[in-house]
Amino acid sequence: MQSLLEALGTLEAESRPQPPDSLTVEPVSTHVLVPEDQLLRLRKLSARTRVAQSDYLREAVDDLLTKYGALLREAK
């Protein structure tokens, strides 16, 4: 018989939100150079919101790919 703590742990794991589609694939490391003022502002934003800088950078890439999606479709 399953203990109450085990049952609660199972329920908690099942109720966790799933990551966005962009995170379901294995991430690849990359190196990006940004102006220091942007880096400082990104760090401040991340500290205040407790959202990882990498999450903000992935969101920015997703936004750019959406914005320029028509160009990507034309290149095929």
Protein backbone atom coordinates (compact mmCIF):
# COMPACT_ATOMS: atom_id res chain seq x y z
CA MET A 1 0.00 0.00 0.00
CA GLN A 2 1.26 3.47 -0.91
CA SER A 3 2.01 5.83 1.96
CA LEU A 4 0.33 9.21 2.15
CA LEU A 5 3.65 11.00 1.49
CA GLU A 6 4.30 8.86 -1.59
CA ALA A 7 0.80 9.58 -2.89
CA LEU A 8 1.22 13.31 -2.34
CA GLY A 9 4.59 13.24 -4.10
CA THR A 10 3.03 11.47 -7.07
CA LEU A 11 0.17 13.97 -7.24
CA GLU A 12 2.59 16.89 -7.00
CA ALA A 13 4.74 15.53 -9.83
CA GLU A 14 1.67 14.97 -12.04
CA SER A 15 0.33 18.48 -11.42
CA ARG A 16 3.57 20.29 -12.29
CA PRO A 17 3.31 22.45 -15.40
CA GLN A 18 5.05 21.08 -18.46
CA PRO A 19 7.96 23.07 -19.98
CA PRO A 20 7.32 25.08 -23.14
CA ASP A 21 7.94 23.27 -26.45
CA SER A 22 11.29 25.00 -26.86
CA LEU A 23 12.53 23.24 -23.71
CA THR A 24 11.35 19.74 -24.56
CA VAL A 25 14.29 19.27 -26.91
CA GLU A 26 17.80 18.85 -25.57
CA PRO A 27 19.28 22.37 -25.24
CA VAL A 28 22.53 23.23 -27.00
CA SER A 29 25.07 25.60 -25.52
CA THR A 30 25.95 28.74 -27.44
CA HIS A 31 28.00 31.85 -26.80
CA VAL A 32 26.54 35.32 -27.38
CA LEU A 33 28.24 38.68 -27.02
CA VAL A 34 25.97 41.48 -25.81
CA PRO A 35 26.72 45.06 -24.81
CA GLU A 36 27.53 45.42 -21.13
CA ASP A 37 24.56 47.71 -20.46
CA GLN A 38 22.16 45.04 -21.80
CA LEU A 39 23.83 42.39 -19.67
CA LEU A 40 23.53 44.53 -16.53
CA ARG A 41 19.85 45.23 -17.23
CA LEU A 42 19.20 41.53 -17.92
CA ARG A 43 20.87 40.59 -14.63
CA LYS A 44 18.81 43.16 -12.74
CA LEU A 45 15.59 41.97 -14.36
CA SER A 46 16.46 38.37 -13.58
CA ALA A 47 17.27 39.16 -9.94
CA ARG A 48 14.06 41.14 -9.42
CA THR A 49 11.76 38.62 -11.08
CA ARG A 50 13.65 35.45 -10.07
CA VAL A 51 13.44 34.27 -13.69
CA ALA A 52 16.68 32.83 -15.08
CA GLN A 53 18.56 34.94 -17.60
CA SER A 54 18.62 31.94 -19.93
CA ASP A 55 14.80 31.82 -19.84
CA TYR A 56 14.65 35.46 -20.96
CA LEU A 57 17.19 34.81 -23.73
CA ARG A 58 15.24 31.78 -25.01
CA GLU A 59 12.06 33.89 -24.97
CA ALA A 60 13.83 36.60 -26.99
CA VAL A 61 15.00 34.06 -29.58
CA ASP A 62 11.47 32.62 -29.83
CA ASP A 63 10.08 36.14 -30.33
CA LEU A 64 12.60 36.90 -33.11
CA LEU A 65 11.92 33.62 -34.88
CA THR A 66 8.20 34.35 -34.74
CA LYS A 67 8.74 37.91 -35.99
CA TYR A 68 10.90 36.78 -38.92
CA GLY A 69 9.13 33.48 -39.55
CA ALA A 70 8.02 34.57 -43.01
CA LEU A 71 11.66 35.01 -44.04
CA LEU A 72 12.45 31.50 -42.84
CA ARG A 73 9.53 30.06 -44.82
CA GLU A 74 10.63 31.93 -47.97
CA ALA A 75 14.14 30.47 -47.75
CA LYS A 76 12.85 26.92 -48.31
